[in-house]
Amino acid sequence: MPQITVDYSQTITPAFDRAGFARALHEATVEIAAAKPEACKTQFRASELTAFGYEEDGHAVVHVTLGLLAGRTDETKAKLTEAVLELLRKHIQDDQGIVLHASAEVRELDASYRKF
């Protein structure tokens, strides 16, 4: 915990500082949600094709999902999602004129969650 997944349009790969984003996101998660640094794990998944409305070109999508153990308040979850969006703004440099559609959510891991 936390389990973090970043789904993003492959077209922004050169403009997306993924390593810097992950470091900053882990720091924010520790600070805001009281996670342990060594427990933060982020997986990046690039999508070859993303579409926005009826368009395939000129848009990029990034969605970050953070899975946390139960017990965080709604206020903590909202603060963390706002931090994620701000970090995305800082770590994606748009030099291609692409419209970025970014979103984030914090969800509670199911009681069946286990790890090793």
C-alpha atoms as a PDB file:
ATOM      1  CA  MET A   1       0.000   0.000   0.000  1.00  0.00           C
ATOM      2  CA  PRO A   2      -0.374   2.399  -1.660  1.00  0.00           C
ATOM      3  CA  GLN A   3      -0.886   0.854  -5.079  1.00  0.00           C
ATOM      4  CA  ILE A   4      -0.626   3.606  -7.685  1.00  0.00           C
ATOM      5  CA  THR A   5      -1.420   3.178 -11.370  1.00  0.00           C
ATOM      6  CA  VAL A   6      -0.862   5.849 -14.008  1.00  0.00           C
ATOM      7  CA  ASP A   7      -2.621   5.276 -17.326  1.00  0.00           C
ATOM      8  CA  TYR A   8      -1.567   7.754 -19.997  1.00  0.00           C
ATOM      9  CA  SER A   9      -1.603   8.426 -23.719  1.00  0.00           C
ATOM     10  CA  GLN A  10       1.608   7.219 -25.291  1.00  0.00           C
ATOM     11  CA  THR A  11       1.787  10.425 -27.339  1.00  0.00           C
ATOM     12  CA  ILE A  12       2.920  12.428 -24.281  1.00  0.00           C
ATOM     13  CA  THR A  13       5.777  10.063 -23.384  1.00  0.00           C
ATOM     14  CA  PRO A  14       8.584  12.496 -24.335  1.00  0.00           C
ATOM     15  CA  ALA A  15       6.921  15.326 -22.401  1.00  0.00           C
ATOM     16  CA  PHE A  16       6.104  13.288 -19.269  1.00  0.00           C
ATOM     17  CA  ASP A  17       8.804  13.124 -16.584  1.00  0.00           C
ATOM     18  CA  ARG A  18       7.524   9.866 -15.132  1.00  0.00           C
ATOM     19  CA  ALA A  19      10.421   9.281 -12.718  1.00  0.00           C
ATOM     20  CA  GLY A  20      10.162  12.803 -11.318  1.00  0.00           C
ATOM     21  CA  PHE A  21       6.383  12.500 -11.072  1.00  0.00           C
ATOM     22  CA  ALA A  22       6.635   9.182  -9.208  1.00  0.00           C
ATOM     23  CA  ARG A  23       9.145  10.582  -6.690  1.00  0.00           C
ATOM     24  CA  ALA A  24       7.037  13.672  -6.055  1.00  0.00           C
ATOM     25  CA  LEU A  25       3.837  11.622  -5.857  1.00  0.00           C
ATOM     26  CA  HIS A  26       5.375   9.252  -3.320  1.00  0.00           C
ATOM     27  CA  GLU A  27       6.469  12.233  -1.210  1.00  0.00           C
ATOM     28  CA  ALA A  28       2.974  13.743  -1.379  1.00  0.00           C
ATOM     29  CA  THR A  29       1.364  10.408  -0.491  1.00  0.00           C
ATOM     30  CA  VAL A  30       3.612  10.045   2.551  1.00  0.00           C
ATOM     31  CA  GLU A  31       2.901  13.609   3.666  1.00  0.00           C
ATOM     32  CA  ILE A  32      -0.844  13.711   3.000  1.00  0.00           C
ATOM     33  CA  ALA A  33      -1.999  10.126   3.550  1.00  0.00           C
ATOM     34  CA  ALA A  34       0.587   8.989   6.129  1.00  0.00           C
ATOM     35  CA  ALA A  35       1.910   6.215   3.885  1.00  0.00           C
ATOM     36  CA  LYS A  36       5.354   4.744   4.428  1.00  0.00           C
ATOM     37  CA  PRO A  37       7.867   5.669   1.699  1.00  0.00           C
ATOM     38  CA  GLU A  38       8.944   2.064   1.160  1.00  0.00           C
ATOM     39  CA  ALA A  39       5.310   1.045   0.630  1.00  0.00           C
ATOM     40  CA  CYS A  40       4.704   3.413  -2.311  1.00  0.00           C
ATOM     41  CA  LYS A  41       4.580   1.566  -5.629  1.00  0.00           C
ATOM     42  CA  THR A  42       3.720   3.181  -8.956  1.00  0.00           C
ATOM     43  CA  GLN A  43       3.083   1.440 -12.257  1.00  0.00           C
ATOM     44  CA  PHE A  44       2.913   3.386 -15.530  1.00  0.00           C
ATOM     45  CA  ARG A  45       0.814   2.038 -18.398  1.00  0.00           C
ATOM     46  CA  ALA A  46       0.987   3.763 -21.776  1.00  0.00           C
ATOM     47  CA  SER A  47      -2.011   3.474 -24.085  1.00  0.00           C
ATOM     48  CA  GLU A  48      -1.227   3.302 -27.775  1.00  0.00           C
ATOM     49  CA  LEU A  49      -4.533   4.921 -28.687  1.00  0.00           C
ATOM     50  CA  THR A  50      -6.738   7.208 -26.644  1.00  0.00           C
ATOM     51  CA  ALA A  51      -9.720   9.154 -27.898  1.00  0.00           C
ATOM     52  CA  PHE A  52     -11.524  12.171 -26.534  1.00  0.00           C
ATOM     53  CA  GLY A  53     -15.096  12.564 -27.684  1.00  0.00           C
ATOM     54  CA  TYR A  54     -15.021  11.849 -31.407  1.00  0.00           C
ATOM     55  CA  GLU A  55     -11.377  12.839 -31.835  1.00  0.00           C
ATOM     56  CA  GLU A  56      -8.247  10.687 -31.749  1.00  0.00           C
ATOM     57  CA  ASP A  57      -5.693  13.413 -32.467  1.00  0.00           C
ATOM     58  CA  GLY A  58      -4.683  16.518 -30.544  1.00  0.00           C
ATOM     59  CA  HIS A  59      -5.660  15.177 -27.118  1.00  0.00           C
ATOM     60  CA  ALA A  60      -3.888  13.201 -24.396  1.00  0.00           C
ATOM     61  CA  VAL A  61      -5.375  11.465 -21.390  1.00  0.00           C
ATOM     62  CA  VAL A  62      -3.758  10.798 -18.007  1.00  0.00           C
ATOM     63  CA  HIS A  63      -5.599   9.076 -15.184  1.00  0.00           C
ATOM     64  CA  VAL A  64      -3.999   8.277 -11.831  1.00  0.00           C
ATOM     65  CA  THR A  65      -5.551   5.752  -9.451  1.00  0.00           C
ATOM     66  CA  LEU A  66      -4.286   5.496  -5.885  1.00  0.00           C
ATOM     67  CA  GLY A  67      -5.352   2.458  -3.880  1.00  0.00           C
ATOM     68  CA  LEU A  68      -4.995   3.004  -0.135  1.00  0.00           C
ATOM     69  CA  LEU A  69      -5.901   0.908   2.855  1.00  0.00           C
ATOM     70  CA  ALA A  70      -9.181   1.964   4.472  1.00  0.00           C
ATOM     71  CA  GLY A  71      -9.282   4.697   7.071  1.00  0.00           C
ATOM     72  CA  ARG A  72      -8.501   7.949   5.256  1.00  0.00           C
ATOM     73  CA  THR A  73     -11.056  10.722   5.482  1.00  0.00           C
ATOM     74  CA  ASP A  74     -12.775  12.117   2.410  1.00  0.00           C
ATOM     75  CA  GLU A  75     -10.864  15.348   3.053  1.00  0.00           C
ATOM     76  CA  THR A  76      -7.523  13.496   2.947  1.00  0.00           C
ATOM     77  CA  LYS A  77      -8.491  11.718  -0.268  1.00  0.00           C
ATOM     78  CA  ALA A  78      -9.552  14.996  -1.906  1.00  0.00           C
ATOM     79  CA  LYS A  79      -6.335  16.718  -0.823  1.00  0.00           C
ATOM     80  CA  LEU A  80      -4.313  13.871  -2.318  1.00  0.00           C
ATOM     81  CA  THR A  81      -6.149  13.948  -5.652  1.00  0.00           C
ATOM     82  CA  GLU A  82      -5.632  17.722  -5.881  1.00  0.00           C
ATOM     83  CA  ALA A  83      -1.914  17.181  -5.211  1.00  0.00           C
ATOM     84  CA  VAL A  84      -1.788  14.556  -7.979  1.00  0.00           C
ATOM     85  CA  LEU A  85      -3.301  16.967 -10.498  1.00  0.00           C
ATOM     86  CA  GLU A  86      -0.864  19.712  -9.525  1.00  0.00           C
ATOM     87  CA  LEU A  87       2.065  17.314  -9.860  1.00  0.00           C
ATOM     88  CA  LEU A  88       0.878  16.265 -13.318  1.00  0.00           C
ATOM     89  CA  ARG A  89       0.888  19.940 -14.358  1.00  0.00           C
ATOM     90  CA  LYS A  90       4.486  20.223 -13.171  1.00  0.00           C
ATOM     91  CA  HIS A  91       5.764  17.017 -14.742  1.00  0.00           C
ATOM     92  CA  ILE A  92       4.157  17.143 -18.184  1.00  0.00           C
ATOM     93  CA  GLN A  93       5.701  19.783 -20.408  1.00  0.00           C
ATOM     94  CA  ASP A  94       3.393  20.413 -23.347  1.00  0.00           C
ATOM     95  CA  ASP A  95       5.486  21.395 -26.308  1.00  0.00           C
ATOM     96  CA  GLN A  96       3.282  19.721 -28.897  1.00  0.00           C
ATOM     97  CA  GLY A  97       0.075  21.759 -28.518  1.00  0.00           C
ATOM     98  CA  ILE A  98      -1.833  18.729 -27.232  1.00  0.00           C
ATOM     99  CA  VAL A  99      -4.858  19.254 -25.006  1.00  0.00           C
ATOM    100  CA  LEU A 100      -4.272  17.316 -21.793  1.00  0.00           C
ATOM    101  CA  HIS A 101      -7.178  15.707 -19.947  1.00  0.00           C
ATOM    102  CA  ALA A 102      -5.952  14.707 -16.485  1.00  0.00           C
ATOM    103  CA  SER A 103      -7.855  13.060 -13.661  1.00  0.00           C
ATOM    104  CA  ALA A 104      -7.151  11.259 -10.409  1.00  0.00           C
ATOM    105  CA  GLU A 105      -9.001   9.222  -7.841  1.00  0.00           C
ATOM    106  CA  VAL A 106      -8.225   7.681  -4.482  1.00  0.00           C
ATOM    107  CA  ARG A 107      -9.988   4.449  -3.708  1.00  0.00           C
ATOM    108  CA  GLU A 108      -9.871   2.118  -0.754  1.00  0.00           C
ATOM    109  CA  LEU A 109      -8.296  -1.266  -1.296  1.00  0.00           C
ATOM    110  CA  ASP A 110     -10.689  -4.138  -0.738  1.00  0.00           C
ATOM    111  CA  ALA A 111     -10.478  -6.053   2.536  1.00  0.00           C
ATOM    112  CA  SER A 112      -9.171  -9.010   0.503  1.00  0.00           C
ATOM    113  CA  TYR A 113      -5.986  -7.089  -0.434  1.00  0.00           C
ATOM    114  CA  ARG A 114      -2.791  -8.982   0.349  1.00  0.00           C
ATOM    115  CA  LYS A 115       0.853  -8.529  -0.646  1.00  0.00           C
ATOM    116  CA  PHE A 116       4.222 -10.187  -0.250  1.00  0.00           C
END
